[in-house]
Amino acid sequence: MTDLPVLYSFRRCPYAMRARMALLVSDTPVRLREVVLRDKPEEMITASPKGTVPVLVLPDGQVIDESLAIMRWALDRNDPQGWRQGSATESELIAEADGPFKHALDRYKYPTRYENVDPLQHRAAGLTFLDKLDSLIQPSGQLMDAKPTLADHAIFPFVRQFANNDRDWFDALPLSALQNWLADHLASPLFATTMQKYPQWKNGDEEPVFALDVAV
């Protein structure tokens, strides 16, 4: 097992979710170290001093500590479902999700962390991006293609977080394509495996192997 990469992860973090999905779909088993963010292990901080998850430590010591970089690394190794499109539209959409939409999401969900923030103003800003996603969804029910791609899996964990902040409000929006898209991804076997629960890892604990064990 020591020849497997080590993944520091936090189950509910959307960045970590999308990294785990890419590792699963690419059939890249890892040694999982589930962390508690208020009690981060020294080993993770040593590997990545910025202290955020996910962090992937390869057997040769290389560290990848950005979720999109982990996704692309895994899919470059093996992309059996053709997630990587490499289009400019895909890259721009993910950048918009990670930039302006995430900015609005944080201030909508955690307004007390910021000064002079109106959460409803930021909810409205986030809704602009949700409207855009709804308009982009193809007849197949996916964002970019007939099948789910990198964009779908990189973005939906953040839409999930936004929706869950006020589920009644989200469900009442006239965005049926987006709502169905999100529901389908949340109900997928891939996401169910991604969200399996593991105990907090501490130094000396045996690490579970995190790998795909269901058909997707």
Protein backbone atom coordinates (compact mmCIF):
# COMPACT_ATOMS: atom_id res chain seq x y z
CA MET A 1 0.00 0.00 0.00
CA THR A 2 2.93 2.37 0.46
CA ASP A 3 3.17 2.69 -3.32
CA LEU A 4 -0.22 4.44 -3.42
CA PRO A 5 -0.62 8.22 -3.28
CA VAL A 6 -1.88 9.76 -0.05
CA LEU A 7 -4.94 12.00 -0.20
CA TYR A 8 -5.71 14.44 2.61
CA SER A 9 -9.40 15.19 2.32
CA PHE A 10 -12.42 16.56 4.17
CA ARG A 11 -15.66 14.85 3.24
CA ARG A 12 -17.90 17.93 3.01
CA CYS A 13 -15.46 20.24 1.22
CA PRO A 14 -16.60 20.77 -2.41
CA TYR A 15 -12.99 21.09 -3.58
CA ALA A 16 -12.18 17.74 -2.01
CA MET A 17 -15.36 16.20 -3.41
CA ARG A 18 -14.42 16.95 -7.00
CA ALA A 19 -10.89 15.68 -6.52
CA ARG A 20 -12.21 12.42 -5.04
CA MET A 21 -14.61 11.96 -7.95
CA ALA A 22 -11.82 12.30 -10.49
CA LEU A 23 -9.61 9.86 -8.58
CA LEU A 24 -12.48 7.37 -8.48
CA VAL A 25 -13.50 7.62 -12.13
CA SER A 26 -9.87 7.40 -13.28
CA ASP A 27 -9.44 4.24 -11.19
CA THR A 28 -6.67 5.81 -9.14
CA PRO A 29 -6.71 4.26 -5.66
CA VAL A 30 -5.27 6.37 -2.86
CA ARG A 31 -4.61 6.07 0.84
CA LEU A 32 -7.24 8.34 2.33
CA ARG A 33 -6.49 10.56 5.31
CA GLU A 34 -9.74 12.21 6.39
CA VAL A 35 -8.96 15.40 8.27
CA VAL A 36 -10.87 17.66 10.64
CA LEU A 37 -10.19 21.23 9.57
CA ARG A 38 -9.85 22.54 13.12
CA ASP A 39 -7.32 19.78 13.86
CA LYS A 40 -5.18 19.47 10.74
CA PRO A 41 -2.43 16.86 10.94
CA GLU A 42 1.16 18.09 10.95
CA GLU A 43 1.94 15.75 8.06
CA MET A 44 -0.53 17.62 5.84
CA ILE A 45 0.83 21.04 6.82
CA THR A 46 4.36 19.83 6.12
CA ALA A 47 3.30 18.65 2.68
CA SER A 48 1.27 21.78 1.91
CA PRO A 49 1.80 24.74 4.25
CA LYS A 50 -1.27 26.58 2.94
CA GLY A 51 -3.29 24.08 4.96
CA THR A 52 -6.28 23.53 2.67
CA VAL A 53 -7.74 20.32 1.29
CA PRO A 54 -7.42 18.39 -0.89
CA VAL A 55 -3.71 17.55 -0.83
CA LEU A 56 -2.38 14.64 -2.88
CA VAL A 57 1.10 13.36 -2.02
CA LEU A 58 2.52 11.06 -4.69
CA PRO A 59 4.83 8.15 -3.86
CA ASP A 60 7.83 10.11 -5.20
CA GLY A 61 7.07 12.98 -2.81
CA GLN A 62 5.49 15.31 -5.36
CA VAL A 63 2.62 17.31 -3.86
CA ILE A 64 -0.50 18.44 -5.72
CA ASP A 65 -2.55 20.74 -3.54
CA GLU A 66 -5.12 22.26 -5.89
CA SER A 67 -8.31 20.33 -6.58
CA LEU A 68 -8.46 21.03 -10.31
CA ALA A 69 -4.81 20.03 -10.66
CA ILE A 70 -5.60 16.75 -8.91
CA MET A 71 -8.55 16.17 -11.25
CA ARG A 72 -6.44 16.83 -14.33
CA TRP A 73 -3.55 14.72 -13.06
CA ALA A 74 -5.88 11.77 -12.46
CA LEU A 75 -7.67 12.14 -15.79
CA ASP A 76 -4.40 12.50 -17.69
CA ARG A 77 -3.50 9.08 -16.32
CA ASN A 78 -6.84 7.51 -17.23
CA ASP A 79 -10.04 9.10 -18.54
CA PRO A 80 -12.32 6.18 -19.36
CA GLN A 81 -15.49 8.30 -19.51
CA GLY A 82 -14.00 11.12 -21.56
CA TRP A 83 -14.36 13.88 -18.96
CA ARG A 84 -11.54 15.98 -20.42
CA GLN A 85 -12.75 18.15 -23.27
CA GLY A 86 -10.05 20.76 -23.07
CA SER A 87 -12.26 23.40 -24.65
CA ALA A 88 -11.95 27.09 -23.88
CA THR A 89 -15.64 27.15 -22.95
CA GLU A 90 -15.11 24.43 -20.36
CA SER A 91 -12.13 26.21 -18.83
CA GLU A 92 -13.95 29.54 -18.74
CA LEU A 93 -17.03 28.04 -17.10
CA ILE A 94 -14.99 26.34 -14.38
CA ALA A 95 -13.05 29.58 -13.81
CA GLU A 96 -16.31 31.47 -13.40
CA ALA A 97 -17.54 28.90 -10.89
CA ASP A 98 -14.30 29.00 -8.92
CA GLY A 99 -14.07 32.81 -9.07
CA PRO A 100 -17.16 35.06 -9.02
CA PHE A 101 -19.63 32.30 -8.10
CA LYS A 102 -17.52 30.99 -5.21
CA HIS A 103 -17.05 34.59 -4.01
CA ALA A 104 -20.83 35.03 -3.91
CA LEU A 105 -21.38 31.59 -2.36
CA ASP A 106 -19.03 32.24 0.55
CA ARG A 107 -20.69 35.56 1.39
CA TYR A 108 -24.18 34.13 1.02
CA LYS A 109 -23.45 31.08 3.17
CA TYR A 110 -21.06 32.64 5.72
CA PRO A 111 -21.96 36.37 5.93
CA THR A 112 -20.65 36.72 9.50
CA ARG A 113 -17.13 35.96 8.28
CA TYR A 114 -17.04 39.21 6.31
CA GLU A 115 -17.64 42.88 7.06
CA ASN A 116 -20.62 44.79 5.69
CA VAL A 117 -21.99 41.85 3.73
CA ASP A 118 -25.61 41.48 2.63
CA PRO A 119 -26.12 37.74 2.03
CA LEU A 120 -29.16 38.33 -0.18
CA GLN A 121 -27.13 40.57 -2.45
CA HIS A 122 -24.60 37.78 -2.88
CA ARG A 123 -27.38 35.23 -3.35
CA ALA A 124 -28.61 37.35 -6.24
CA ALA A 125 -25.08 37.47 -7.68
CA GLY A 126 -24.86 33.68 -7.45
CA LEU A 127 -28.26 33.32 -9.09
CA THR A 128 -26.88 35.02 -12.19
CA PHE A 129 -24.45 32.11 -12.59
CA LEU A 130 -27.18 29.56 -11.90
CA ASP A 131 -29.26 31.14 -14.67
CA LYS A 132 -26.30 30.77 -17.01
CA LEU A 133 -25.81 27.11 -16.12
CA ASP A 134 -29.52 26.42 -16.63
CA SER A 135 -29.35 27.93 -20.12
CA LEU A 136 -26.27 25.85 -21.02
CA ILE A 137 -27.65 22.45 -20.06
CA GLN A 138 -27.95 20.23 -23.13
CA PRO A 139 -30.90 17.99 -24.05
CA SER A 140 -28.81 15.18 -22.51
CA GLY A 141 -29.09 16.93 -19.15
CA GLN A 142 -25.37 17.80 -18.97
CA LEU A 143 -23.50 21.07 -19.33
CA MET A 144 -21.12 20.51 -22.23
CA ASP A 145 -21.89 17.27 -24.00
CA ALA A 146 -24.10 14.23 -24.23
CA LYS A 147 -22.22 12.78 -21.26
CA PRO A 148 -20.94 14.40 -18.05
CA THR A 149 -17.57 16.08 -18.40
CA LEU A 150 -14.97 17.72 -16.19
CA ALA A 151 -17.11 20.87 -16.06
CA ASP A 152 -20.13 19.06 -14.61
CA HIS A 153 -18.11 17.40 -11.87
CA ALA A 154 -15.96 20.43 -11.10
CA ILE A 155 -18.99 22.70 -10.68
CA PHE A 156 -21.88 20.73 -9.20
CA PRO A 157 -20.40 20.37 -5.66
CA PHE A 158 -20.50 24.16 -5.37
CA VAL A 159 -24.04 24.38 -6.76
CA ARG A 160 -24.98 21.75 -4.18
CA GLN A 161 -23.56 23.92 -1.40
CA PHE A 162 -25.35 27.00 -2.71
CA ALA A 163 -28.66 25.13 -3.02
CA ASN A 164 -28.45 23.62 0.44
CA ASN A 165 -28.13 27.00 2.12
CA ASP A 166 -31.86 27.55 1.50
CA ARG A 167 -33.26 24.51 -0.20
CA ASP A 168 -36.85 25.72 -0.34
CA TRP A 169 -35.74 28.90 -2.15
CA PHE A 170 -33.57 26.94 -4.59
CA ASP A 171 -36.26 24.38 -5.34
CA ALA A 172 -38.77 27.16 -6.10
CA LEU A 173 -36.56 28.77 -8.75
CA PRO A 174 -37.75 28.47 -12.38
CA LEU A 175 -34.57 26.56 -13.26
CA SER A 176 -35.83 23.05 -13.87
CA ALA A 177 -32.94 21.99 -16.11
CA LEU A 178 -30.41 22.98 -13.46
CA GLN A 179 -32.39 21.39 -10.64
CA ASN A 180 -32.67 18.11 -12.53
CA TRP A 181 -28.95 18.25 -13.43
CA LEU A 182 -28.01 18.68 -9.79
CA ALA A 183 -30.41 15.98 -8.60
CA ASP A 184 -29.04 13.49 -11.13
CA HIS A 185 -25.44 14.06 -10.04
CA LEU A 186 -26.32 13.86 -6.36
CA ALA A 187 -28.10 10.53 -6.99
CA SER A 188 -25.24 9.01 -8.97
CA PRO A 189 -23.33 5.95 -7.70
CA LEU A 190 -20.11 7.92 -8.24
CA PHE A 191 -21.20 10.64 -5.83
CA ALA A 192 -22.44 8.06 -3.30
CA THR A 193 -18.99 6.47 -3.25
CA THR A 194 -17.33 9.88 -3.11
CA MET A 195 -19.33 10.72 0.02
CA GLN A 196 -18.60 7.59 2.03
CA LYS A 197 -17.80 8.46 5.63
CA TYR A 198 -14.41 7.76 7.17
CA PRO A 199 -13.10 8.50 10.67
CA GLN A 200 -10.58 11.26 11.26
CA TRP A 201 -7.06 10.10 10.45
CA LYS A 202 -4.33 10.50 13.03
CA ASN A 203 -0.67 9.63 12.79
CA GLY A 204 -0.26 5.90 13.26
CA ASP A 205 -3.75 5.03 12.04
CA GLU A 206 -4.17 2.60 9.18
CA GLU A 207 -5.34 4.40 6.06
CA PRO A 208 -8.33 3.02 4.14
CA VAL A 209 -7.83 2.56 0.41
CA PHE A 210 -10.22 4.90 -1.39
CA ALA A 211 -11.19 3.36 -4.72
CA LEU A 212 -14.18 2.83 -6.94
CA ASP A 213 -16.20 -0.18 -5.87
CA VAL A 214 -19.45 0.47 -7.72
CA ALA A 215 -20.34 0.76 -11.39
CA VAL A 216 -20.72 4.34 -12.60
